[in-house]
Amino acid sequence: MSPNELLLWLSARKEGSWLQFRGAVERLDLASHKPDADQDSSLALHHRIRLNFERLGHVEFGTDDSEKGWRAVPPTLALSQHKSTVCGVLCGARTPKLLDRVRKAGAEFGLQESEWADSTHVVRMQATDAEPLIALARNESLMCQLDAPTALLSNLPPIASIGNLAAAPMPHAGREWEVKQFTIEKRAIKWKTVTVQIANAPEAEGLFCFTRYQTPQYFLKSDSRTISLPGSIGKFIILRRRNKRVLRYDRQKRLLSVPAICRPPVLTERALILCSGFPATYSVQREQGVLSYSEIPEEVAGMAAEGLNQDLL
């Protein structure tokens, strides 16, 4: 079974618990899917699939109305404004009948349906302005989000505001923990293996990852205070403190690149993906894994950088 079929199952159920989602992944026999080179292979399969579905705007996890489970996003056509065109990307719940209707209606807008490794098919179309795509969404009972990337980025709290999180202690004992510290060296940004004792030492500071049963937990330790937070956010806090710039924007190619180890937070990445509909591509440059996001308008690149407390290279 493929991620496409999993999304159909989630769409039919509409919402459910985390255990239901995990069980669905196992029942649909997705275990044969290997992670892409840009993904953390230490993550369990259900975590990798979860992240992909969140990045593509199909499913929300941990929402209040789903009691920290999951909820399929209503079928939505997310629009992105480019210089001479408007791109529409199909997000959210889908059924075979809905896909057939969208394919027929979108044919005049050059609808493309592309396979992508370890994720659902990308369904996108283009028009010279937004009005025809808005009309298509209305006729096919889709929600329509105008300027989806900028709308999303403008509503995300900046990385700096994470300091308001409540304190949370790190685990102090247990042989089953795998512990790593996020480090920035002259030629490399990497995770370095440490012990539980080193991470908990009074003088220790930085971002630490505690993993048990393939489930990572991230802690930022600074000034004798420790908070729990998403690892992707913690990384950019450390990068800012070290004045390390990692976002590179090619204005001619409209390509935004970042070291794979510094993958942006999920919602920031969703905004970047919605510019084209395509997940990031992975390559190796100067012995370093790099993620590249395509068709990124300069305004979106600037907003993403500002939200991450980064200056574009």
C-alpha atoms as a PDB file:
ATOM      1  CA  MET A   1       0.000   0.000   0.000  1.00  0.00           C
ATOM      2  CA  SER A   2       1.112   3.542  -0.678  1.00  0.00           C
ATOM      3  CA  PRO A   3       0.860   6.856   1.204  1.00  0.00           C
ATOM      4  CA  ASN A   4      -1.884   7.785  -1.309  1.00  0.00           C
ATOM      5  CA  GLU A   5      -4.048   4.951  -0.026  1.00  0.00           C
ATOM      6  CA  LEU A   6      -3.307   5.877   3.560  1.00  0.00           C
ATOM      7  CA  LEU A   7      -4.536   9.414   2.881  1.00  0.00           C
ATOM      8  CA  LEU A   8      -7.750   7.993   1.379  1.00  0.00           C
ATOM      9  CA  TRP A   9      -8.299   5.996   4.584  1.00  0.00           C
ATOM     10  CA  LEU A  10      -7.663   9.040   6.771  1.00  0.00           C
ATOM     11  CA  SER A  11      -9.987  11.116   4.590  1.00  0.00           C
ATOM     12  CA  ALA A  12     -12.789   8.598   5.059  1.00  0.00           C
ATOM     13  CA  ARG A  13     -12.297   8.571   8.850  1.00  0.00           C
ATOM     14  CA  LYS A  14     -11.851  12.391   9.033  1.00  0.00           C
ATOM     15  CA  GLU A  15     -10.258  12.289  12.490  1.00  0.00           C
ATOM     16  CA  GLY A  16      -8.991   9.883  15.110  1.00  0.00           C
ATOM     17  CA  SER A  17      -6.440   9.102  17.773  1.00  0.00           C
ATOM     18  CA  TRP A  18      -2.682   8.834  17.426  1.00  0.00           C
ATOM     19  CA  LEU A  19      -2.926   5.084  18.083  1.00  0.00           C
ATOM     20  CA  GLN A  20      -5.406   4.730  15.215  1.00  0.00           C
ATOM     21  CA  PHE A  21      -3.036   6.519  12.867  1.00  0.00           C
ATOM     22  CA  ARG A  22      -0.101   4.384  13.932  1.00  0.00           C
ATOM     23  CA  GLY A  23      -2.176   1.238  13.553  1.00  0.00           C
ATOM     24  CA  ALA A  24      -3.288   2.302  10.075  1.00  0.00           C
ATOM     25  CA  VAL A  25       0.321   2.706   8.985  1.00  0.00           C
ATOM     26  CA  GLU A  26       1.083  -0.806  10.195  1.00  0.00           C
ATOM     27  CA  ARG A  27      -2.064  -2.358   8.677  1.00  0.00           C
ATOM     28  CA  LEU A  28      -1.460  -0.768   5.300  1.00  0.00           C
ATOM     29  CA  ASP A  29       1.939  -2.448   5.182  1.00  0.00           C
ATOM     30  CA  LEU A  30       3.928   0.733   4.583  1.00  0.00           C
ATOM     31  CA  ALA A  31       6.900  -0.807   6.358  1.00  0.00           C
ATOM     32  CA  SER A  32       8.524  -1.488   2.999  1.00  0.00           C
ATOM     33  CA  HIS A  33       8.869   2.250   2.410  1.00  0.00           C
ATOM     34  CA  LYS A  34      12.379   3.416   3.170  1.00  0.00           C
ATOM     35  CA  PRO A  35      13.060   7.001   4.232  1.00  0.00           C
ATOM     36  CA  ASP A  36      14.489   9.389   1.671  1.00  0.00           C
ATOM     37  CA  ALA A  37      18.108  10.383   2.158  1.00  0.00           C
ATOM     38  CA  ASP A  38      16.987  13.721   3.613  1.00  0.00           C
ATOM     39  CA  GLN A  39      14.924  12.111   6.364  1.00  0.00           C
ATOM     40  CA  ASP A  40      16.104  10.916   9.738  1.00  0.00           C
ATOM     41  CA  SER A  41      16.247   7.149   9.324  1.00  0.00           C
ATOM     42  CA  SER A  42      16.204   6.752  13.111  1.00  0.00           C
ATOM     43  CA  LEU A  43      12.590   7.927  13.175  1.00  0.00           C
ATOM     44  CA  ALA A  44       9.946   5.240  13.238  1.00  0.00           C
ATOM     45  CA  LEU A  45       7.938   4.844  10.037  1.00  0.00           C
ATOM     46  CA  HIS A  46       4.744   6.328  11.495  1.00  0.00           C
ATOM     47  CA  HIS A  47       6.642   9.453  12.557  1.00  0.00           C
ATOM     48  CA  ARG A  48       8.116   9.882   9.067  1.00  0.00           C
ATOM     49  CA  ILE A  49       4.712   9.484   7.421  1.00  0.00           C
ATOM     50  CA  ARG A  50       3.169  11.877   9.934  1.00  0.00           C
ATOM     51  CA  LEU A  51       5.737  14.571   9.145  1.00  0.00           C
ATOM     52  CA  ASN A  52       5.263  14.172   5.397  1.00  0.00           C
ATOM     53  CA  PHE A  53       1.481  14.512   5.698  1.00  0.00           C
ATOM     54  CA  GLU A  54       1.887  17.611   7.867  1.00  0.00           C
ATOM     55  CA  ARG A  55       4.404  19.199   5.506  1.00  0.00           C
ATOM     56  CA  LEU A  56       2.080  18.724   2.539  1.00  0.00           C
ATOM     57  CA  GLY A  57      -0.921  20.161   4.389  1.00  0.00           C
ATOM     58  CA  HIS A  58      -2.996  16.977   4.310  1.00  0.00           C
ATOM     59  CA  VAL A  59      -3.396  16.145   8.003  1.00  0.00           C
ATOM     60  CA  GLU A  60      -3.023  18.086  11.260  1.00  0.00           C
ATOM     61  CA  PHE A  61      -1.739  16.328  14.365  1.00  0.00           C
ATOM     62  CA  GLY A  62      -2.142  17.265  17.998  1.00  0.00           C
ATOM     63  CA  THR A  63      -5.002  19.697  17.375  1.00  0.00           C
ATOM     64  CA  ASP A  64      -7.258  20.618  20.278  1.00  0.00           C
ATOM     65  CA  ASP A  65     -10.448  19.482  18.552  1.00  0.00           C
ATOM     66  CA  SER A  66      -9.027  16.033  17.852  1.00  0.00           C
ATOM     67  CA  GLU A  67      -7.820  15.479  21.422  1.00  0.00           C
ATOM     68  CA  LYS A  68      -4.145  15.373  20.469  1.00  0.00           C
ATOM     69  CA  GLY A  69      -4.823  12.863  17.727  1.00  0.00           C
ATOM     70  CA  TRP A  70      -5.157  13.715  14.060  1.00  0.00           C
ATOM     71  CA  ARG A  71      -7.638  15.488  11.820  1.00  0.00           C
ATOM     72  CA  ALA A  72      -7.786  15.412   8.019  1.00  0.00           C
ATOM     73  CA  VAL A  73      -7.674  18.928   6.591  1.00  0.00           C
ATOM     74  CA  PRO A  74     -10.770  19.787   4.504  1.00  0.00           C
ATOM     75  CA  PRO A  75     -10.099  19.517   0.749  1.00  0.00           C
ATOM     76  CA  THR A  76      -8.364  22.766  -0.139  1.00  0.00           C
ATOM     77  CA  LEU A  77      -6.840  24.424  -3.178  1.00  0.00           C
ATOM     78  CA  ALA A  78      -3.858  26.401  -1.856  1.00  0.00           C
ATOM     79  CA  LEU A  79      -2.891  29.258  -4.183  1.00  0.00           C
ATOM     80  CA  SER A  80       0.543  30.802  -4.507  1.00  0.00           C
ATOM     81  CA  GLN A  81       1.219  34.018  -6.403  1.00  0.00           C
ATOM     82  CA  HIS A  82       4.190  34.072  -8.755  1.00  0.00           C
ATOM     83  CA  LYS A  83       5.385  36.759 -11.181  1.00  0.00           C
ATOM     84  CA  SER A  84       3.165  35.851 -14.119  1.00  0.00           C
ATOM     85  CA  THR A  85       1.153  32.886 -12.853  1.00  0.00           C
ATOM     86  CA  VAL A  86      -0.813  31.580  -9.899  1.00  0.00           C
ATOM     87  CA  CYS A  87      -0.106  28.017  -8.785  1.00  0.00           C
ATOM     88  CA  GLY A  88      -2.849  25.931  -7.172  1.00  0.00           C
ATOM     89  CA  VAL A  89      -1.946  22.895  -5.042  1.00  0.00           C
ATOM     90  CA  LEU A  90      -4.499  20.336  -3.839  1.00  0.00           C
ATOM     91  CA  CYS A  91      -4.187  19.744  -0.098  1.00  0.00           C
ATOM     92  CA  GLY A  92      -6.167  17.898   2.518  1.00  0.00           C
ATOM     93  CA  ALA A  93      -8.669  15.065   2.451  1.00  0.00           C
ATOM     94  CA  ARG A  94      -9.432  13.411  -0.849  1.00  0.00           C
ATOM     95  CA  THR A  95     -11.597  10.671  -2.295  1.00  0.00           C
ATOM     96  CA  PRO A  96     -11.370   8.922  -5.685  1.00  0.00           C
ATOM     97  CA  LYS A  97     -14.464  10.816  -6.870  1.00  0.00           C
ATOM     98  CA  LEU A  98     -13.023  14.156  -5.764  1.00  0.00           C
ATOM     99  CA  LEU A  99      -9.745  13.436  -7.531  1.00  0.00           C
ATOM    100  CA  ASP A 100     -11.597  12.542 -10.739  1.00  0.00           C
ATOM    101  CA  ARG A 101     -13.577  15.803 -10.625  1.00  0.00           C
ATOM    102  CA  VAL A 102     -10.467  17.871  -9.961  1.00  0.00           C
ATOM    103  CA  ARG A 103      -8.579  16.160 -12.786  1.00  0.00           C
ATOM    104  CA  LYS A 104     -11.347  16.960 -15.260  1.00  0.00           C
ATOM    105  CA  ALA A 105     -11.842  20.535 -14.083  1.00  0.00           C
ATOM    106  CA  GLY A 106      -8.114  21.212 -13.878  1.00  0.00           C
ATOM    107  CA  ALA A 107      -7.264  19.881 -17.334  1.00  0.00           C
ATOM    108  CA  GLU A 108      -7.592  23.337 -18.896  1.00  0.00           C
ATOM    109  CA  PHE A 109      -5.106  24.669 -16.349  1.00  0.00           C
ATOM    110  CA  GLY A 110      -2.414  22.150 -17.201  1.00  0.00           C
ATOM    111  CA  LEU A 111      -3.081  19.942 -14.179  1.00  0.00           C
ATOM    112  CA  GLN A 112      -0.050  17.908 -13.203  1.00  0.00           C
ATOM    113  CA  GLU A 113      -0.072  14.836 -10.998  1.00  0.00           C
ATOM    114  CA  SER A 114       3.435  13.822  -9.976  1.00  0.00           C
ATOM    115  CA  GLU A 115       4.689  10.954  -7.876  1.00  0.00           C
ATOM    116  CA  TRP A 116       7.013  11.819  -5.033  1.00  0.00           C
ATOM    117  CA  ALA A 117       9.049   9.405  -2.945  1.00  0.00           C
ATOM    118  CA  ASP A 118       7.569   8.566   0.459  1.00  0.00           C
ATOM    119  CA  SER A 119       4.638  10.980   0.099  1.00  0.00           C
ATOM    120  CA  THR A 120       1.292  11.371  -1.613  1.00  0.00           C
ATOM    121  CA  HIS A 121       0.997  12.391  -5.255  1.00  0.00           C
ATOM    122  CA  VAL A 122       1.412  16.107  -5.904  1.00  0.00           C
ATOM    123  CA  VAL A 123      -1.647  17.539  -7.687  1.00  0.00           C
ATOM    124  CA  ARG A 124      -1.163  21.081  -8.996  1.00  0.00           C
ATOM    125  CA  MET A 125      -2.323  23.439 -11.709  1.00  0.00           C
ATOM    126  CA  GLN A 126      -1.552  26.947 -12.951  1.00  0.00           C
ATOM    127  CA  ALA A 127      -3.438  29.949 -14.311  1.00  0.00           C
ATOM    128  CA  THR A 128      -2.544  33.497 -15.292  1.00  0.00           C
ATOM    129  CA  ASP A 129      -4.533  34.869 -12.349  1.00  0.00           C
ATOM    130  CA  ALA A 130      -6.359  33.603  -9.293  1.00  0.00           C
ATOM    131  CA  GLU A 131      -9.991  34.060 -10.393  1.00  0.00           C
ATOM    132  CA  PRO A 132     -10.339  30.907 -12.561  1.00  0.00           C
ATOM    133  CA  LEU A 133      -8.787  28.766  -9.829  1.00  0.00           C
ATOM    134  CA  ILE A 134     -11.054  30.318  -7.204  1.00  0.00           C
ATOM    135  CA  ALA A 135     -14.024  29.473  -9.421  1.00  0.00           C
ATOM    136  CA  LEU A 136     -12.767  25.900  -9.884  1.00  0.00           C
ATOM    137  CA  ALA A 137     -12.485  25.450  -6.121  1.00  0.00           C
ATOM    138  CA  ARG A 138     -15.992  26.794  -5.602  1.00  0.00           C
ATOM    139  CA  ASN A 139     -17.499  24.568  -8.305  1.00  0.00           C
ATOM    140  CA  GLU A 140     -15.789  21.440  -6.967  1.00  0.00           C
ATOM    141  CA  SER A 141     -16.653  22.156  -3.291  1.00  0.00           C
ATOM    142  CA  LEU A 142     -13.048  22.849  -2.316  1.00  0.00           C
ATOM    143  CA  MET A 143     -11.916  25.399   0.179  1.00  0.00           C
ATOM    144  CA  CYS A 144      -9.574  27.983  -1.357  1.00  0.00           C
ATOM    145  CA  GLN A 145      -6.663  29.685   0.411  1.00  0.00           C
ATOM    146  CA  LEU A 146      -5.357  32.794  -1.323  1.00  0.00           C
ATOM    147  CA  ASP A 147      -1.606  33.475  -1.122  1.00  0.00           C
ATOM    148  CA  ALA A 148      -1.250  30.397   1.082  1.00  0.00           C
ATOM    149  CA  PRO A 149       2.549  30.623   1.718  1.00  0.00           C
ATOM    150  CA  THR A 150       2.526  34.266   2.828  1.00  0.00           C
ATOM    151  CA  ALA A 151      -0.714  33.813   4.790  1.00  0.00           C
ATOM    152  CA  LEU A 152       0.824  30.919   6.711  1.00  0.00           C
ATOM    153  CA  LEU A 153       4.191  32.586   7.348  1.00  0.00           C
ATOM    154  CA  SER A 154       2.612  35.842   8.509  1.00  0.00           C
ATOM    155  CA  ASN A 155       0.723  33.957  11.235  1.00  0.00           C
ATOM    156  CA  LEU A 156       3.648  31.936  12.603  1.00  0.00           C
ATOM    157  CA  PRO A 157       5.287  33.203  15.804  1.00  0.00           C
ATOM    158  CA  PRO A 158       8.953  34.118  15.361  1.00  0.00           C
ATOM    159  CA  ILE A 159      11.581  31.750  16.676  1.00  0.00           C
ATOM    160  CA  ALA A 160      12.563  34.284  19.334  1.00  0.00           C
ATOM    161  CA  SER A 161       9.132  34.001  21.022  1.00  0.00           C
ATOM    162  CA  ILE A 162       9.854  30.395  22.006  1.00  0.00           C
ATOM    163  CA  GLY A 163      11.437  31.714  25.206  1.00  0.00           C
ATOM    164  CA  ASN A 164       7.948  31.954  26.684  1.00  0.00           C
ATOM    165  CA  LEU A 165       7.722  28.160  26.973  1.00  0.00           C
ATOM    166  CA  ALA A 166       7.514  26.689  30.448  1.00  0.00           C
ATOM    167  CA  ALA A 167      10.516  24.926  31.974  1.00  0.00           C
ATOM    168  CA  ALA A 168      10.700  21.143  31.529  1.00  0.00           C
ATOM    169  CA  PRO A 169      13.394  18.910  33.052  1.00  0.00           C
ATOM    170  CA  MET A 170      15.464  16.504  30.950  1.00  0.00           C
ATOM    171  CA  PRO A 171      15.544  12.792  31.841  1.00  0.00           C
ATOM    172  CA  HIS A 172      18.200  12.209  34.511  1.00  0.00           C
ATOM    173  CA  ALA A 173      18.642   8.455  34.338  1.00  0.00           C
ATOM    174  CA  GLY A 174      18.030   5.365  32.271  1.00  0.00           C
ATOM    175  CA  ARG A 175      20.304   3.256  30.072  1.00  0.00           C
ATOM    176  CA  GLU A 176      17.721   3.102  27.301  1.00  0.00           C
ATOM    177  CA  TRP A 177      18.188   6.759  26.345  1.00  0.00           C
ATOM    178  CA  GLU A 178      20.240   7.669  23.294  1.00  0.00           C
ATOM    179  CA  VAL A 179      21.457  11.231  23.860  1.00  0.00           C
ATOM    180  CA  LYS A 180      22.930  13.663  21.327  1.00  0.00           C
ATOM    181  CA  GLN A 181      23.904  17.323  21.384  1.00  0.00           C
ATOM    182  CA  PHE A 182      23.481  19.688  18.435  1.00  0.00           C
ATOM    183  CA  THR A 183      26.878  21.177  17.640  1.00  0.00           C
ATOM    184  CA  ILE A 184      28.153  23.832  15.236  1.00  0.00           C
ATOM    185  CA  GLU A 185      31.769  23.368  14.268  1.00  0.00           C
ATOM    186  CA  LYS A 186      33.902  25.262  11.770  1.00  0.00           C
ATOM    187  CA  ARG A 187      33.231  22.886   8.897  1.00  0.00           C
ATOM    188  CA  ALA A 188      30.204  20.942  10.037  1.00  0.00           C
ATOM    189  CA  ILE A 189      26.865  21.155  11.785  1.00  0.00           C
ATOM    190  CA  LYS A 190      26.078  17.821  13.379  1.00  0.00           C
ATOM    191  CA  TRP A 191      24.724  15.808  16.289  1.00  0.00           C
ATOM    192  CA  LYS A 192      27.350  14.567  18.737  1.00  0.00           C
ATOM    193  CA  THR A 193      26.680  11.587  20.995  1.00  0.00           C
ATOM    194  CA  VAL A 194      26.886  12.397  24.713  1.00  0.00           C
ATOM    195  CA  THR A 195      25.772  10.733  27.937  1.00  0.00           C
ATOM    196  CA  VAL A 196      22.765  11.473  30.094  1.00  0.00           C
ATOM    197  CA  GLN A 197      25.157  12.696  32.768  1.00  0.00           C
ATOM    198  CA  ILE A 198      26.946  15.117  30.437  1.00  0.00           C
ATOM    199  CA  ALA A 199      23.649  16.567  29.204  1.00  0.00           C
ATOM    200  CA  ASN A 200      22.464  17.104  32.780  1.00  0.00           C
ATOM    201  CA  ALA A 201      25.719  18.604  34.051  1.00  0.00           C
ATOM    202  CA  PRO A 202      25.165  22.113  35.541  1.00  0.00           C
ATOM    203  CA  GLU A 203      27.574  23.699  33.062  1.00  0.00           C
ATOM    204  CA  ALA A 204      26.051  22.001  29.967  1.00  0.00           C
ATOM    205  CA  GLU A 205      24.170  24.259  27.553  1.00  0.00           C
ATOM    206  CA  GLY A 206      22.654  23.840  24.109  1.00  0.00           C
ATOM    207  CA  LEU A 207      20.143  21.639  22.308  1.00  0.00           C
ATOM    208  CA  PHE A 208      19.925  17.988  23.347  1.00  0.00           C
ATOM    209  CA  CYS A 209      17.985  15.115  21.790  1.00  0.00           C
ATOM    210  CA  PHE A 210      16.871  12.218  24.006  1.00  0.00           C
ATOM    211  CA  THR A 211      15.618   9.232  21.991  1.00  0.00           C
ATOM    212  CA  ARG A 212      13.902   6.131  23.347  1.00  0.00           C
ATOM    213  CA  TYR A 213      11.887   3.574  21.364  1.00  0.00           C
ATOM    214  CA  GLN A 214      12.543   5.613  18.184  1.00  0.00           C
ATOM    215  CA  THR A 215      10.758   8.628  19.661  1.00  0.00           C
ATOM    216  CA  PRO A 216      12.948  11.745  20.053  1.00  0.00           C
ATOM    217  CA  GLN A 217      12.452  14.478  22.629  1.00  0.00           C
ATOM    218  CA  TYR A 218      14.307  17.788  22.373  1.00  0.00           C
ATOM    219  CA  PHE A 219      15.446  20.045  25.193  1.00  0.00           C
ATOM    220  CA  LEU A 220      17.048  23.482  25.055  1.00  0.00           C
ATOM    221  CA  LYS A 221      19.248  24.196  28.040  1.00  0.00           C
ATOM    222  CA  SER A 222      20.459  27.741  28.688  1.00  0.00           C
ATOM    223  CA  ASP A 223      21.191  29.891  31.762  1.00  0.00           C
ATOM    224  CA  SER A 224      20.255  27.059  34.141  1.00  0.00           C
ATOM    225  CA  ARG A 225      16.835  26.787  32.481  1.00  0.00           C
ATOM    226  CA  THR A 226      15.605  23.866  30.387  1.00  0.00           C
ATOM    227  CA  ILE A 227      12.584  23.842  28.068  1.00  0.00           C
ATOM    228  CA  SER A 228      11.084  21.149  25.849  1.00  0.00           C
ATOM    229  CA  LEU A 229      10.490  22.174  22.235  1.00  0.00           C
ATOM    230  CA  PRO A 230      10.490  20.852  18.649  1.00  0.00           C
ATOM    231  CA  GLY A 231      14.007  20.031  17.533  1.00  0.00           C
ATOM    232  CA  SER A 232      13.748  22.069  14.328  1.00  0.00           C
ATOM    233  CA  ILE A 233      12.958  25.196  16.335  1.00  0.00           C
ATOM    234  CA  GLY A 234      15.722  24.522  18.843  1.00  0.00           C
ATOM    235  CA  LYS A 235      18.270  24.261  16.033  1.00  0.00           C
ATOM    236  CA  PHE A 236      17.456  27.697  14.674  1.00  0.00           C
ATOM    237  CA  ILE A 237      17.687  29.204  18.151  1.00  0.00           C
ATOM    238  CA  ILE A 238      21.203  27.787  18.466  1.00  0.00           C
ATOM    239  CA  LEU A 239      22.090  28.949  14.943  1.00  0.00           C
ATOM    240  CA  ARG A 240      21.012  32.488  15.813  1.00  0.00           C
ATOM    241  CA  ARG A 241      22.988  32.519  19.028  1.00  0.00           C
ATOM    242  CA  ARG A 242      26.070  31.437  17.111  1.00  0.00           C
ATOM    243  CA  ASN A 243      25.398  33.952  14.298  1.00  0.00           C
ATOM    244  CA  LYS A 244      25.399  31.069  11.830  1.00  0.00           C
ATOM    245  CA  ARG A 245      23.576  31.719   8.542  1.00  0.00           C
ATOM    246  CA  VAL A 246      22.331  28.626   6.730  1.00  0.00           C
ATOM    247  CA  LEU A 247      19.579  29.812   4.355  1.00  0.00           C
ATOM    248  CA  ARG A 248      20.774  30.393   0.793  1.00  0.00           C
ATOM    249  CA  TYR A 249      18.502  31.953  -1.857  1.00  0.00           C
ATOM    250  CA  ASP A 250      19.174  31.895  -5.587  1.00  0.00           C
ATOM    251  CA  ARG A 251      17.055  34.726  -7.020  1.00  0.00           C
ATOM    252  CA  GLN A 252      17.479  33.665 -10.630  1.00  0.00           C
ATOM    253  CA  LYS A 253      16.457  30.054 -10.028  1.00  0.00           C
ATOM    254  CA  ARG A 254      14.042  31.004  -7.200  1.00  0.00           C
ATOM    255  CA  LEU A 255      15.594  28.226  -5.153  1.00  0.00           C
ATOM    256  CA  LEU A 256      15.860  28.292  -1.347  1.00  0.00           C
ATOM    257  CA  SER A 257      18.412  25.878   0.119  1.00  0.00           C
ATOM    258  CA  VAL A 258      19.320  24.829   3.637  1.00  0.00           C
ATOM    259  CA  PRO A 259      21.573  22.127   5.130  1.00  0.00           C
ATOM    260  CA  ALA A 260      19.477  18.979   5.575  1.00  0.00           C
ATOM    261  CA  ILE A 261      20.344  18.832   9.267  1.00  0.00           C
ATOM    262  CA  CYS A 262      18.767  22.300   9.648  1.00  0.00           C
ATOM    263  CA  ARG A 263      15.413  21.413   8.133  1.00  0.00           C
ATOM    264  CA  PRO A 264      12.874  24.199   8.899  1.00  0.00           C
ATOM    265  CA  PRO A 265       9.983  23.683  11.339  1.00  0.00           C
ATOM    266  CA  VAL A 266       7.013  21.831   9.863  1.00  0.00           C
ATOM    267  CA  LEU A 267       4.727  24.833   9.267  1.00  0.00           C
ATOM    268  CA  THR A 268       7.525  26.960   7.795  1.00  0.00           C
ATOM    269  CA  GLU A 269       8.366  24.077   5.506  1.00  0.00           C
ATOM    270  CA  ARG A 270       4.709  23.705   4.558  1.00  0.00           C
ATOM    271  CA  ALA A 271       4.667  27.330   3.426  1.00  0.00           C
ATOM    272  CA  LEU A 272       7.727  26.711   1.251  1.00  0.00           C
ATOM    273  CA  ILE A 273       6.274  23.516  -0.226  1.00  0.00           C
ATOM    274  CA  LEU A 274       2.966  25.228  -1.066  1.00  0.00           C
ATOM    275  CA  CYS A 275       4.803  27.574  -3.439  1.00  0.00           C
ATOM    276  CA  SER A 276       5.151  24.694  -5.893  1.00  0.00           C
ATOM    277  CA  GLY A 277       3.464  21.688  -4.301  1.00  0.00           C
ATOM    278  CA  PHE A 278       6.731  19.746  -4.384  1.00  0.00           C
ATOM    279  CA  PRO A 279       8.653  18.620  -1.282  1.00  0.00           C
ATOM    280  CA  ALA A 280      12.300  19.611  -1.016  1.00  0.00           C
ATOM    281  CA  THR A 281      14.842  17.804  -3.173  1.00  0.00           C
ATOM    282  CA  TYR A 282      17.936  16.339  -1.539  1.00  0.00           C
ATOM    283  CA  SER A 283      21.488  16.611  -2.851  1.00  0.00           C
ATOM    284  CA  VAL A 284      25.030  16.453  -1.516  1.00  0.00           C
ATOM    285  CA  GLN A 285      27.115  19.603  -1.865  1.00  0.00           C
ATOM    286  CA  ARG A 286      30.622  19.919  -0.447  1.00  0.00           C
ATOM    287  CA  GLU A 287      30.116  16.692   1.504  1.00  0.00           C
ATOM    288  CA  GLN A 288      26.977  18.103   3.117  1.00  0.00           C
ATOM    289  CA  GLY A 289      23.355  17.119   2.611  1.00  0.00           C
ATOM    290  CA  VAL A 290      21.266  20.005   1.285  1.00  0.00           C
ATOM    291  CA  LEU A 291      17.499  20.485   0.956  1.00  0.00           C
ATOM    292  CA  SER A 292      16.301  22.734  -1.881  1.00  0.00           C
ATOM    293  CA  TYR A 293      12.803  24.200  -2.221  1.00  0.00           C
ATOM    294  CA  SER A 294      11.733  25.221  -5.726  1.00  0.00           C
ATOM    295  CA  GLU A 295       9.661  28.087  -7.163  1.00  0.00           C
ATOM    296  CA  ILE A 296      10.091  30.239  -4.065  1.00  0.00           C
ATOM    297  CA  PRO A 297       9.191  33.933  -4.600  1.00  0.00           C
ATOM    298  CA  GLU A 298      11.653  36.355  -3.059  1.00  0.00           C
ATOM    299  CA  GLU A 299       8.985  37.679  -0.679  1.00  0.00           C
ATOM    300  CA  VAL A 300       8.347  34.182   0.682  1.00  0.00           C
ATOM    301  CA  ALA A 301      12.080  33.511   1.080  1.00  0.00           C
ATOM    302  CA  GLY A 302      12.447  36.752   3.032  1.00  0.00           C
ATOM    303  CA  MET A 303       9.465  36.031   5.284  1.00  0.00           C
ATOM    304  CA  ALA A 304      10.741  32.511   6.030  1.00  0.00           C
ATOM    305  CA  ALA A 305      14.192  33.858   6.882  1.00  0.00           C
ATOM    306  CA  GLU A 306      12.765  36.555   9.143  1.00  0.00           C
ATOM    307  CA  GLY A 307      10.623  34.065  11.033  1.00  0.00           C
ATOM    308  CA  LEU A 308      13.666  31.833  11.576  1.00  0.00           C
ATOM    309  CA  ASN A 309      15.878  34.744  12.714  1.00  0.00           C
ATOM    310  CA  GLN A 310      18.103  34.202   9.701  1.00  0.00           C
ATOM    311  CA  ASP A 311      19.671  36.446   7.078  1.00  0.00           C
ATOM    312  CA  LEU A 312      19.640  35.081   3.538  1.00  0.00           C
ATOM    313  CA  LEU A 313      22.979  34.231   1.984  1.00  0.00           C
END
